[in-house]
Amino acid sequence: MKWLTQANIDTAHIDPGKPWQNGTNESFNGKFRDECLSMEWFRNRIDAKITIEQFRRQYNEIRPHSSLGQLTPLEFKQKLSSTKTLEPDRPGCAFRPRRTVDPVMADSPERSDVS
């Protein structure tokens, strides 16, 4: 948590029983459950580790993602690096720390500095 403060990154609390507050993670959890866990019968932990690692690599390296314009993550990374100079403080840079806003606090006057 110390590095979050040093990087000036705010955290957002996700209320129990409200998965829509973190739709990206819930979307992945659903895909992981439907496309990996429900399709396999693991004989032991080693079998589970191997199968889950294969799914992780396929999901992160090969599978096209709708959020990336139906590009694979590798294709998106190549496209991004060919069109932008990666400077840490430049607006719109892919590696710039993202600040999150708690939806409950978003309209609060104390939070008016968060973009």
N, C-alpha and C. Protein backbone atom coordinates (compact mmCIF):
# COMPACT_ATOMS: atom_id res chain seq x y z
N MET A 1 0.81 -1.19 0.00
CA MET A 1 0.00 0.00 0.00
C MET A 1 0.86 1.26 0.00
N LYS A 2 2.08 1.14 0.50
CA LYS A 2 2.96 2.30 0.55
C LYS A 2 3.25 2.84 -0.85
N TRP A 3 3.45 1.93 -1.81
CA TRP A 3 3.77 2.39 -3.16
C TRP A 3 2.59 3.10 -3.81
N LEU A 4 1.35 2.75 -3.42
CA LEU A 4 0.19 3.47 -3.94
C LEU A 4 0.24 4.94 -3.53
N THR A 5 0.57 5.18 -2.27
CA THR A 5 0.67 6.54 -1.77
C THR A 5 1.81 7.28 -2.46
N GLN A 6 2.94 6.62 -2.61
CA GLN A 6 4.09 7.25 -3.26
C GLN A 6 3.81 7.58 -4.72
N ALA A 7 3.02 6.76 -5.38
CA ALA A 7 2.69 6.97 -6.79
C ALA A 7 1.46 7.88 -6.96
N ASN A 8 0.91 8.34 -5.83
CA ASN A 8 -0.26 9.23 -5.84
C ASN A 8 -1.45 8.58 -6.54
N ILE A 9 -1.72 7.31 -6.19
CA ILE A 9 -2.82 6.56 -6.78
C ILE A 9 -3.86 6.31 -5.69
N ASP A 10 -5.10 6.68 -5.96
CA ASP A 10 -6.20 6.44 -5.03
C ASP A 10 -6.78 5.05 -5.28
N THR A 11 -7.33 4.47 -4.25
CA THR A 11 -7.99 3.17 -4.39
C THR A 11 -9.49 3.37 -4.24
N ALA A 12 -10.26 2.46 -4.78
CA ALA A 12 -11.72 2.49 -4.66
C ALA A 12 -12.18 1.23 -3.98
N HIS A 13 -13.04 1.37 -3.02
CA HIS A 13 -13.59 0.23 -2.29
C HIS A 13 -14.75 -0.37 -3.08
N ILE A 14 -14.74 -1.68 -3.24
CA ILE A 14 -15.83 -2.38 -3.90
C ILE A 14 -16.69 -2.99 -2.80
N ASP A 15 -17.95 -2.58 -2.72
CA ASP A 15 -18.84 -3.09 -1.70
C ASP A 15 -19.14 -4.56 -1.91
N PRO A 16 -19.20 -5.36 -0.83
CA PRO A 16 -19.54 -6.78 -0.95
C PRO A 16 -20.92 -6.94 -1.60
N GLY A 17 -21.03 -7.88 -2.51
CA GLY A 17 -22.30 -8.16 -3.16
C GLY A 17 -22.66 -7.18 -4.27
N LYS A 18 -21.71 -6.33 -4.69
CA LYS A 18 -21.97 -5.37 -5.76
C LYS A 18 -20.91 -5.50 -6.85
N PRO A 19 -20.92 -6.62 -7.57
CA PRO A 19 -19.88 -6.86 -8.57
C PRO A 19 -19.86 -5.85 -9.71
N TRP A 20 -20.97 -5.15 -9.96
CA TRP A 20 -21.00 -4.18 -11.05
C TRP A 20 -20.09 -3.00 -10.79
N GLN A 21 -19.60 -2.84 -9.55
CA GLN A 21 -18.67 -1.76 -9.25
C GLN A 21 -17.27 -2.06 -9.80
N ASN A 22 -17.03 -3.31 -10.20
CA ASN A 22 -15.75 -3.69 -10.79
C ASN A 22 -16.03 -4.60 -11.98
N GLY A 23 -16.66 -4.04 -13.00
CA GLY A 23 -17.11 -4.82 -14.14
C GLY A 23 -16.02 -5.53 -14.90
N THR A 24 -14.83 -4.91 -15.00
CA THR A 24 -13.73 -5.54 -15.73
C THR A 24 -13.33 -6.85 -15.08
N ASN A 25 -13.15 -6.83 -13.77
CA ASN A 25 -12.74 -8.04 -13.07
C ASN A 25 -13.85 -9.09 -13.11
N GLU A 26 -15.09 -8.67 -12.94
CA GLU A 26 -16.20 -9.61 -12.98
C GLU A 26 -16.34 -10.24 -14.37
N SER A 27 -16.07 -9.47 -15.41
CA SER A 27 -16.11 -10.00 -16.77
C SER A 27 -15.07 -11.10 -16.94
N PHE A 28 -13.84 -10.82 -16.46
CA PHE A 28 -12.80 -11.84 -16.55
C PHE A 28 -13.18 -13.08 -15.73
N ASN A 29 -13.68 -12.86 -14.51
CA ASN A 29 -14.04 -14.01 -13.66
C ASN A 29 -15.06 -14.90 -14.35
N GLY A 30 -16.04 -14.29 -15.02
CA GLY A 30 -17.04 -15.07 -15.74
C GLY A 30 -16.44 -15.86 -16.89
N LYS A 31 -15.57 -15.22 -17.66
CA LYS A 31 -14.91 -15.91 -18.77
C LYS A 31 -14.03 -17.05 -18.26
N PHE A 32 -13.29 -16.78 -17.19
CA PHE A 32 -12.40 -17.80 -16.61
C PHE A 32 -13.22 -19.00 -16.12
N ARG A 33 -14.31 -18.72 -15.44
CA ARG A 33 -15.17 -19.80 -14.94
C ARG A 33 -15.79 -20.58 -16.10
N ASP A 34 -16.36 -19.86 -17.09
CA ASP A 34 -17.07 -20.53 -18.18
C ASP A 34 -16.16 -21.25 -19.17
N GLU A 35 -15.00 -20.66 -19.45
CA GLU A 35 -14.14 -21.19 -20.51
C GLU A 35 -12.99 -22.05 -20.00
N CYS A 36 -12.75 -22.03 -18.70
CA CYS A 36 -11.65 -22.84 -18.18
C CYS A 36 -12.13 -23.78 -17.08
N LEU A 37 -12.56 -23.21 -15.98
CA LEU A 37 -12.88 -24.04 -14.81
C LEU A 37 -14.04 -25.00 -15.06
N SER A 38 -15.09 -24.54 -15.74
CA SER A 38 -16.25 -25.40 -15.98
C SER A 38 -16.00 -26.44 -17.07
N MET A 39 -14.97 -26.23 -17.87
CA MET A 39 -14.70 -27.13 -18.99
C MET A 39 -13.69 -28.22 -18.64
N GLU A 40 -13.08 -28.11 -17.49
CA GLU A 40 -12.00 -29.04 -17.13
C GLU A 40 -12.34 -29.83 -15.86
N TRP A 41 -11.74 -31.00 -15.79
CA TRP A 41 -11.82 -31.82 -14.59
C TRP A 41 -10.37 -32.04 -14.15
N PHE A 42 -9.96 -31.36 -13.11
CA PHE A 42 -8.56 -31.42 -12.67
C PHE A 42 -8.33 -32.66 -11.83
N ARG A 43 -7.29 -33.41 -12.19
CA ARG A 43 -6.95 -34.62 -11.45
C ARG A 43 -6.18 -34.32 -10.18
N ASN A 44 -5.40 -33.23 -10.21
CA ASN A 44 -4.60 -32.84 -9.05
C ASN A 44 -4.19 -31.38 -9.22
N ARG A 45 -3.44 -30.86 -8.26
CA ARG A 45 -3.03 -29.46 -8.31
C ARG A 45 -2.11 -29.16 -9.49
N ILE A 46 -1.24 -30.08 -9.80
CA ILE A 46 -0.31 -29.86 -10.92
C ILE A 46 -1.09 -29.75 -12.23
N ASP A 47 -2.07 -30.63 -12.41
CA ASP A 47 -2.92 -30.57 -13.60
C ASP A 47 -3.66 -29.24 -13.66
N ALA A 48 -4.17 -28.77 -12.53
CA ALA A 48 -4.87 -27.48 -12.48
C ALA A 48 -3.93 -26.34 -12.82
N LYS A 49 -2.72 -26.35 -12.26
CA LYS A 49 -1.76 -25.28 -12.54
C LYS A 49 -1.40 -25.22 -14.01
N ILE A 50 -1.21 -26.38 -14.63
CA ILE A 50 -0.84 -26.43 -16.06
C ILE A 50 -2.00 -25.91 -16.91
N THR A 51 -3.21 -26.38 -16.64
CA THR A 51 -4.37 -25.98 -17.42
C THR A 51 -4.66 -24.48 -17.27
N ILE A 52 -4.58 -23.98 -16.05
CA ILE A 52 -4.85 -22.56 -15.80
C ILE A 52 -3.78 -21.69 -16.45
N GLU A 53 -2.54 -22.13 -16.42
CA GLU A 53 -1.46 -21.37 -17.08
C GLU A 53 -1.67 -21.33 -18.59
N GLN A 54 -2.12 -22.45 -19.17
CA GLN A 54 -2.42 -22.45 -20.61
C GLN A 54 -3.54 -21.48 -20.93
N PHE A 55 -4.58 -21.44 -20.10
CA PHE A 55 -5.67 -20.50 -20.30
C PHE A 55 -5.17 -19.07 -20.17
N ARG A 56 -4.35 -18.80 -19.16
CA ARG A 56 -3.83 -17.45 -18.93
C ARG A 56 -3.03 -16.97 -20.14
N ARG A 57 -2.16 -17.82 -20.67
CA ARG A 57 -1.37 -17.43 -21.83
C ARG A 57 -2.25 -17.20 -23.07
N GLN A 58 -3.21 -18.06 -23.28
CA GLN A 58 -4.11 -17.90 -24.42
C GLN A 58 -4.91 -16.61 -24.27
N TYR A 59 -5.41 -16.33 -23.07
CA TYR A 59 -6.22 -15.14 -22.82
C TYR A 59 -5.39 -13.87 -22.96
N ASN A 60 -4.18 -13.87 -22.44
CA ASN A 60 -3.34 -12.67 -22.42
C ASN A 60 -2.51 -12.45 -23.68
N GLU A 61 -2.31 -13.48 -24.50
CA GLU A 61 -1.40 -13.33 -25.63
C GLU A 61 -2.04 -13.61 -26.99
N ILE A 62 -3.02 -14.49 -27.04
CA ILE A 62 -3.54 -14.95 -28.32
C ILE A 62 -4.96 -14.47 -28.61
N ARG A 63 -5.80 -14.48 -27.62
CA ARG A 63 -7.22 -14.19 -27.78
C ARG A 63 -7.49 -12.71 -28.10
N PRO A 64 -8.27 -12.41 -29.14
CA PRO A 64 -8.66 -11.02 -29.40
C PRO A 64 -9.61 -10.52 -28.31
N HIS A 65 -9.49 -9.25 -27.95
CA HIS A 65 -10.31 -8.66 -26.91
C HIS A 65 -11.16 -7.54 -27.50
N SER A 66 -12.44 -7.53 -27.19
CA SER A 66 -13.33 -6.47 -27.71
C SER A 66 -12.90 -5.10 -27.20
N SER A 67 -12.36 -5.03 -25.99
CA SER A 67 -11.93 -3.74 -25.44
C SER A 67 -10.70 -3.20 -26.16
N LEU A 68 -10.03 -4.04 -26.93
CA LEU A 68 -8.84 -3.62 -27.69
C LEU A 68 -9.15 -3.55 -29.18
N GLY A 69 -10.41 -3.42 -29.54
CA GLY A 69 -10.78 -3.34 -30.96
C GLY A 69 -10.59 -4.66 -31.67
N GLN A 70 -10.86 -5.77 -31.00
CA GLN A 70 -10.70 -7.13 -31.53
C GLN A 70 -9.26 -7.46 -31.91
N LEU A 71 -8.31 -6.78 -31.30
CA LEU A 71 -6.90 -7.12 -31.47
C LEU A 71 -6.47 -8.01 -30.32
N THR A 72 -5.43 -8.80 -30.54
CA THR A 72 -4.84 -9.53 -29.43
C THR A 72 -4.04 -8.53 -28.60
N PRO A 73 -3.77 -8.83 -27.34
CA PRO A 73 -2.96 -7.91 -26.54
C PRO A 73 -1.60 -7.61 -27.18
N LEU A 74 -0.98 -8.60 -27.79
CA LEU A 74 0.30 -8.38 -28.45
C LEU A 74 0.16 -7.42 -29.64
N GLU A 75 -0.87 -7.62 -30.46
CA GLU A 75 -1.10 -6.72 -31.59
C GLU A 75 -1.39 -5.30 -31.11
N PHE A 76 -2.18 -5.18 -30.03
CA PHE A 76 -2.50 -3.86 -29.48
C PHE A 76 -1.24 -3.18 -28.96
N LYS A 77 -0.39 -3.92 -28.28
CA LYS A 77 0.86 -3.36 -27.76
C LYS A 77 1.74 -2.87 -28.91
N GLN A 78 1.84 -3.67 -29.98
CA GLN A 78 2.65 -3.27 -31.13
C GLN A 78 2.07 -2.03 -31.80
N LYS A 79 0.76 -1.98 -31.94
CA LYS A 79 0.11 -0.82 -32.55
C LYS A 79 0.32 0.42 -31.69
N LEU A 80 0.17 0.28 -30.38
CA LEU A 80 0.33 1.40 -29.47
C LEU A 80 1.76 1.91 -29.48
N SER A 81 2.73 1.02 -29.44
CA SER A 81 4.13 1.44 -29.40
C SER A 81 4.57 2.07 -30.73
N SER A 82 3.90 1.71 -31.83
CA SER A 82 4.28 2.31 -33.11
C SER A 82 3.64 3.68 -33.33
N THR A 83 2.58 4.00 -32.55
CA THR A 83 1.89 5.28 -32.74
C THR A 83 2.15 6.29 -31.64
N LYS A 84 2.72 5.87 -30.51
CA LYS A 84 2.93 6.79 -29.40
C LYS A 84 4.35 6.65 -28.86
N THR A 85 4.88 7.76 -28.41
CA THR A 85 6.13 7.75 -27.68
C THR A 85 5.78 7.49 -26.23
N LEU A 86 6.42 6.54 -25.62
CA LEU A 86 6.07 6.17 -24.26
C LEU A 86 6.83 7.04 -23.25
N GLU A 87 6.24 8.15 -22.92
CA GLU A 87 6.81 9.06 -21.93
C GLU A 87 5.92 9.02 -20.71
N PRO A 88 6.48 8.76 -19.50
CA PRO A 88 5.67 8.57 -18.31
C PRO A 88 4.75 9.74 -17.95
N ASP A 89 5.15 11.00 -18.19
CA ASP A 89 4.32 12.13 -17.77
C ASP A 89 3.46 12.70 -18.89
N ARG A 90 3.49 12.10 -20.04
CA ARG A 90 2.73 12.60 -21.18
C ARG A 90 1.27 12.17 -21.07
N PRO A 91 0.31 13.10 -21.18
CA PRO A 91 -1.10 12.71 -21.13
C PRO A 91 -1.41 11.68 -22.22
N GLY A 92 -2.18 10.67 -21.85
CA GLY A 92 -2.57 9.64 -22.79
C GLY A 92 -1.57 8.51 -22.90
N CYS A 93 -0.47 8.59 -22.17
CA CYS A 93 0.55 7.54 -22.22
C CYS A 93 0.00 6.27 -21.58
N ALA A 94 0.30 5.14 -22.17
CA ALA A 94 -0.20 3.86 -21.68
C ALA A 94 0.36 3.52 -20.30
N PHE A 95 1.48 4.06 -19.92
CA PHE A 95 2.11 3.69 -18.66
C PHE A 95 1.91 4.74 -17.57
N ARG A 96 1.06 5.69 -17.79
CA ARG A 96 0.78 6.71 -16.79
C ARG A 96 -0.12 6.11 -15.71
N PRO A 97 0.19 6.31 -14.42
CA PRO A 97 -0.67 5.75 -13.37
C PRO A 97 -2.09 6.26 -13.51
N ARG A 98 -3.05 5.38 -13.39
CA ARG A 98 -4.45 5.74 -13.49
C ARG A 98 -5.00 5.95 -12.08
N ARG A 99 -5.69 7.03 -11.89
CA ARG A 99 -6.32 7.30 -10.61
C ARG A 99 -7.76 6.86 -10.69
N THR A 100 -8.22 6.16 -9.67
CA THR A 100 -9.59 5.67 -9.66
C THR A 100 -10.43 6.52 -8.72
N VAL A 101 -11.71 6.50 -8.94
CA VAL A 101 -12.63 7.28 -8.12
C VAL A 101 -13.69 6.35 -7.57
N ASP A 102 -13.92 6.44 -6.28
CA ASP A 102 -15.00 5.69 -5.66
C ASP A 102 -16.31 6.32 -6.14
N PRO A 103 -17.24 5.54 -6.75
CA PRO A 103 -18.47 6.12 -7.29
C PRO A 103 -19.28 6.89 -6.25
N VAL A 104 -19.22 6.46 -5.00
CA VAL A 104 -19.96 7.14 -3.94
C VAL A 104 -19.37 8.53 -3.69
N MET A 105 -18.05 8.65 -3.79
CA MET A 105 -17.37 9.90 -3.50
C MET A 105 -17.18 10.78 -4.73
N ALA A 106 -17.58 10.33 -5.90
CA ALA A 106 -17.29 11.03 -7.14
C ALA A 106 -17.84 12.44 -7.16
N ASP A 107 -19.01 12.67 -6.57
CA ASP A 107 -19.62 13.99 -6.58
C ASP A 107 -19.26 14.83 -5.36
N SER A 108 -18.45 14.29 -4.50
CA SER A 108 -18.08 14.98 -3.28
C SER A 108 -17.16 16.16 -3.58
N PRO A 109 -17.34 17.32 -2.90
CA PRO A 109 -16.47 18.47 -3.14
C PRO A 109 -15.00 18.18 -2.82
N GLU A 110 -14.74 17.27 -1.88
CA GLU A 110 -13.37 16.94 -1.53
C GLU A 110 -12.66 16.22 -2.68
N ARG A 111 -13.41 15.63 -3.58
CA ARG A 111 -12.84 14.82 -4.66
C ARG A 111 -12.83 15.57 -5.99
N SER A 112 -13.02 16.85 -6.01
CA SER A 112 -13.11 17.59 -7.27
C SER A 112 -11.79 17.62 -8.03
N ASP A 113 -10.66 17.29 -7.35
CA ASP A 113 -9.37 17.31 -8.01
C ASP A 113 -9.10 16.06 -8.82
N VAL A 114 -9.89 14.99 -8.66
CA VAL A 114 -9.66 13.72 -9.32
C VAL A 114 -10.31 13.74 -10.69
N SER A 115 -9.52 13.30 -11.70
CA SER A 115 -10.06 13.28 -13.07
C SER A 115 -10.39 11.89 -13.49
